[in-house]
C-alpha atoms as a PDB file:
ATOM      1  CA  MET A   1       6.834 -12.201 -19.482  1.00  0.00           C
ATOM      2  CA  PHE A   2       9.180 -13.787 -22.443  1.00  0.00           C
ATOM      3  CA  ALA A   3      10.941 -15.914 -23.370  1.00  0.00           C
ATOM      4  CA  SER A   4      14.176 -14.855 -23.248  1.00  0.00           C
ATOM      5  CA  THR A   5      16.013 -17.435 -25.130  1.00  0.00           C
ATOM      6  CA  PRO A   6      14.745 -20.331 -27.516  1.00  0.00           C
ATOM      7  CA  PRO A   7      14.013 -23.840 -25.251  1.00  0.00           C
ATOM      8  CA  ASN A   8      16.494 -26.225 -26.458  1.00  0.00           C
ATOM      9  CA  PRO A   9      14.469 -29.559 -26.831  1.00  0.00           C
ATOM     10  CA  ALA A  10      14.003 -32.142 -23.686  1.00  0.00           C
ATOM     11  CA  LYS A  11      16.263 -34.467 -23.329  1.00  0.00           C
ATOM     12  CA  PRO A  12      14.149 -38.367 -23.228  1.00  0.00           C
ATOM     13  CA  GLY A  13      12.689 -38.577 -19.955  1.00  0.00           C
ATOM     14  CA  GLN A  14      13.569 -34.379 -18.795  1.00  0.00           C
ATOM     15  CA  ALA A  15      10.664 -31.376 -18.696  1.00  0.00           C
ATOM     16  CA  LEU A  16      11.560 -28.927 -21.373  1.00  0.00           C
ATOM     17  CA  ARG A  17      12.944 -25.897 -19.931  1.00  0.00           C
ATOM     18  CA  VAL A  18      12.301 -22.681 -20.867  1.00  0.00           C
ATOM     19  CA  GLU A  19      14.349 -19.135 -19.387  1.00  0.00           C
ATOM     20  CA  PHE A  20      11.660 -16.375 -18.439  1.00  0.00           C
ATOM     21  CA  GLU A  21      13.083 -13.014 -18.556  1.00  0.00           C
ATOM     22  CA  TYR A  22      10.247 -10.053 -16.935  1.00  0.00           C
ATOM     23  CA  GLU A  23       9.640  -6.658 -18.025  1.00  0.00           C
ATOM     24  CA  PRO A  24       7.676  -3.865 -16.168  1.00  0.00           C
ATOM     25  CA  GLY A  25       4.581  -3.522 -17.243  1.00  0.00           C
ATOM     26  CA  GLY A  26       3.917  -0.008 -15.991  1.00  0.00           C
ATOM     27  CA  ALA A  27       2.363  -1.278 -12.347  1.00  0.00           C
ATOM     28  CA  LEU A  28       1.117   1.418 -10.641  1.00  0.00           C
ATOM     29  CA  ALA A  29       0.998   1.510  -6.325  1.00  0.00           C
ATOM     30  CA  TYR A  30      -2.223   1.773  -4.829  1.00  0.00           C
ATOM     31  CA  LEU A  31      -2.472   4.323  -1.468  1.00  0.00           C
ATOM     32  CA  ALA A  32      -5.310   3.683   0.353  1.00  0.00           C
ATOM     33  CA  ALA A  33      -6.485   5.192   4.193  1.00  0.00           C
ATOM     34  CA  TRP A  34      -9.622   3.653   5.564  1.00  0.00           C
ATOM     35  CA  ASP A  35     -10.834   5.256   8.795  1.00  0.00           C
ATOM     36  CA  VAL A  36     -12.406   2.388  10.455  1.00  0.00           C
ATOM     37  CA  ARG A  37     -15.200   4.810  12.340  1.00  0.00           C
ATOM     38  CA  ARG A  38     -16.900   6.257   9.044  1.00  0.00           C
ATOM     39  CA  ALA A  39     -15.844   2.257   6.968  1.00  0.00           C
ATOM     40  CA  LYS A  40     -14.945   4.667   4.394  1.00  0.00           C
ATOM     41  CA  ILE A  41     -12.019   4.261   1.989  1.00  0.00           C
ATOM     42  CA  PHE A  42      -9.617   6.902   0.307  1.00  0.00           C
ATOM     43  CA  GLY A  43      -6.917   6.001  -2.334  1.00  0.00           C
ATOM     44  CA  SER A  44      -5.090   6.981  -4.693  1.00  0.00           C
ATOM     45  CA  CYS A  45      -2.648   5.228  -7.114  1.00  0.00           C
ATOM     46  CA  ASP A  46       0.542   6.229  -8.284  1.00  0.00           C
ATOM     47  CA  PRO A  47       3.406   5.230 -10.698  1.00  0.00           C
ATOM     48  CA  THR A  48       5.475   4.564  -7.980  1.00  0.00           C
ATOM     49  CA  THR A  49       5.604   5.197  -3.231  1.00  0.00           C
ATOM     50  CA  GLY A  50       7.788   7.373  -1.569  1.00  0.00           C
ATOM     51  CA  ILE A  51       7.321  10.315  -0.098  1.00  0.00           C
ATOM     52  CA  VAL A  52       5.515  12.257  -1.878  1.00  0.00           C
ATOM     53  CA  PRO A  53       2.711   9.978  -3.126  1.00  0.00           C
ATOM     54  CA  PHE A  54       1.800   9.856   1.069  1.00  0.00           C
ATOM     55  CA  ASP A  55       1.604  12.800   1.675  1.00  0.00           C
ATOM     56  CA  GLY A  56      -1.103  13.372  -1.392  1.00  0.00           C
ATOM     57  CA  LEU A  57      -2.998  11.010  -0.281  1.00  0.00           C
ATOM     58  CA  VAL A  58      -2.814  12.052   3.820  1.00  0.00           C
ATOM     59  CA  HIS A  59      -3.418  15.348   1.708  1.00  0.00           C
ATOM     60  CA  GLN A  60      -5.671  13.942   0.478  1.00  0.00           C
ATOM     61  CA  VAL A  61      -8.027  12.400   4.041  1.00  0.00           C
ATOM     62  CA  MET A  62      -6.563  15.587   5.994  1.00  0.00           C
ATOM     63  CA  ARG A  63      -8.517  18.638   3.873  1.00  0.00           C
ATOM     64  CA  GLN A  64     -11.588  17.401   4.113  1.00  0.00           C
ATOM     65  CA  GLU A  65     -14.022  17.806   7.638  1.00  0.00           C
ATOM     66  CA  PRO A  66     -13.854  15.721   9.888  1.00  0.00           C
ATOM     67  CA  TYR A  67      -9.989  15.536   9.544  1.00  0.00           C
ATOM     68  CA  ARG A  68      -9.136  19.041   9.537  1.00  0.00           C
ATOM     69  CA  GLN A  69     -10.948  20.223  11.936  1.00  0.00           C
ATOM     70  CA  ALA A  70     -10.866  16.911  14.458  1.00  0.00           C
ATOM     71  CA  LYS A  71      -8.867  17.585  17.445  1.00  0.00           C
ATOM     72  CA  ARG A  72      -6.587  14.820  16.901  1.00  0.00           C
ATOM     73  CA  VAL A  73      -6.659  12.273  13.836  1.00  0.00           C
ATOM     74  CA  PHE A  74      -4.555   9.130  14.441  1.00  0.00           C
ATOM     75  CA  TRP A  75      -2.674   7.603  11.614  1.00  0.00           C
ATOM     76  CA  ILE A  76      -1.896   4.042  12.550  1.00  0.00           C
ATOM     77  CA  VAL A  77       1.118   2.994   9.524  1.00  0.00           C
ATOM     78  CA  ASP A  78       3.010   0.119   8.921  1.00  0.00           C
ATOM     79  CA  ASN A  79       6.638   0.972   8.598  1.00  0.00           C
ATOM     80  CA  GLY A  80       7.196   1.676   5.457  1.00  0.00           C
ATOM     81  CA  SER A  81      10.094   3.733   3.899  1.00  0.00           C
ATOM     82  CA  SER A  82       8.079   6.862   3.115  1.00  0.00           C
ATOM     83  CA  HIS A  83       6.105   7.163   6.878  1.00  0.00           C
ATOM     84  CA  ARG A  84       8.651   5.069   9.224  1.00  0.00           C
ATOM     85  CA  GLY A  85       9.657   7.215  11.887  1.00  0.00           C
ATOM     86  CA  GLN A  86      10.151  10.053  14.075  1.00  0.00           C
ATOM     87  CA  THR A  87      11.435  11.851  10.875  1.00  0.00           C
ATOM     88  CA  ALA A  88       8.202  11.160   9.231  1.00  0.00           C
ATOM     89  CA  CYS A  89       6.363  12.360  12.449  1.00  0.00           C
ATOM     90  CA  GLN A  90       7.855  15.461  12.401  1.00  0.00           C
ATOM     91  CA  ARG A  91       7.235  15.908   8.992  1.00  0.00           C
ATOM     92  CA  LEU A  92       3.899  15.155   9.411  1.00  0.00           C
ATOM     93  CA  GLN A  93       2.789  17.026  11.832  1.00  0.00           C
ATOM     94  CA  GLN A  94       4.604  20.633  10.181  1.00  0.00           C
ATOM     95  CA  LYS A  95       1.396  19.609   7.916  1.00  0.00           C
ATOM     96  CA  TYR A  96      -0.804  19.302  10.251  1.00  0.00           C
ATOM     97  CA  SER A  97      -0.903  20.118  13.772  1.00  0.00           C
ATOM     98  CA  ASN A  98      -3.720  17.653  14.708  1.00  0.00           C
ATOM     99  CA  LEU A  99      -2.137  14.256  12.867  1.00  0.00           C
ATOM    100  CA  VAL A 100      -0.880  11.571  15.442  1.00  0.00           C
ATOM    101  CA  LEU A 101       1.313   9.034  13.676  1.00  0.00           C
ATOM    102  CA  VAL A 102       0.905   5.904  14.940  1.00  0.00           C
ATOM    103  CA  HIS A 103       3.527   2.929  14.226  1.00  0.00           C
ATOM    104  CA  LEU A 104       2.731  -0.933  14.301  1.00  0.00           C
ATOM    105  CA  PRO A 105       5.533  -3.342  15.524  1.00  0.00           C
ATOM    106  CA  VAL A 106       7.332  -4.623  12.935  1.00  0.00           C
ATOM    107  CA  HIS A 107       6.219  -7.560  11.057  1.00  0.00           C
ATOM    108  CA  ALA A 108       3.136  -6.937  11.909  1.00  0.00           C
ATOM    109  CA  SER A 109       0.964  -6.513   8.964  1.00  0.00           C
ATOM    110  CA  TRP A 110      -2.281  -8.459  10.343  1.00  0.00           C
ATOM    111  CA  LEU A 111      -2.785  -5.438  12.538  1.00  0.00           C
ATOM    112  CA  ASN A 112      -3.297  -3.191   9.357  1.00  0.00           C
ATOM    113  CA  GLN A 113      -6.836  -2.598   9.268  1.00  0.00           C
ATOM    114  CA  VAL A 114      -6.565  -1.244   5.418  1.00  0.00           C
ATOM    115  CA  GLU A 115      -5.175  -4.338   4.474  1.00  0.00           C
ATOM    116  CA  ILE A 116      -7.571  -7.209   7.081  1.00  0.00           C
ATOM    117  CA  TYR A 117     -10.480  -4.790   4.803  1.00  0.00           C
ATOM    118  CA  PHE A 118      -8.900  -5.374   1.123  1.00  0.00           C
ATOM    119  CA  PHE A 119      -7.868  -8.844   2.474  1.00  0.00           C
ATOM    120  CA  SER A 120     -11.733  -9.356   3.267  1.00  0.00           C
ATOM    121  CA  ARG A 121     -12.517  -8.136  -0.381  1.00  0.00           C
ATOM    122  CA  ALA A 122     -10.470 -10.005  -2.272  1.00  0.00           C
ATOM    123  CA  ALA A 123     -12.385 -13.427  -0.705  1.00  0.00           C
ATOM    124  CA  LYS A 124     -15.108 -12.287  -1.295  1.00  0.00           C
ATOM    125  CA  SER A 125     -14.552 -11.620  -4.354  1.00  0.00           C
ATOM    126  CA  ALA A 126     -12.394 -15.036  -5.119  1.00  0.00           C
ATOM    127  CA  ASN A 127     -15.471 -17.169  -3.720  1.00  0.00           C
ATOM    128  CA  ALA A 128     -18.053 -15.364  -6.104  1.00  0.00           C
ATOM    129  CA  PRO A 129     -20.375 -17.926  -7.977  1.00  0.00           C
END
C-alpha cells in the first residue's frame, strides 16, 4: 500500500487522514485437498484460481494410488466457480470415472474440512510461544 496523495495537515482537534491505494503484490492462490482418512494434504500454488488450477490439483491426487484404482473417490467441495454445478461434475467424471463430486451447501464453510484443518494449524501457530 502507498499513500495516493500527500496528507493534508490535520485541523486542530482532528486526526491526520491519509488515503491509501492498494497495489497488488503478486499474491498466489493455494489450492488444497485433504484426505481425511489418511490425514494427508495435497496442495498447489498457482497465480490464480479457476478451472485449470483446480483440475491440476485433482490430477495431482487422482493419478496416485490408492485414488487411481479406488472404486469411488469422493471430493467434497465448496461452491467455488471452478467446481460448481453439474458442468463441473461432468467435466471431472469424463477424466476420472471413479470421482464423485459432492457440493457443500452454500454458506457452509464450517463444514469444509480442509478449511477447518488450516484454521486449526493457524490457531496453533498463533498461540505458540
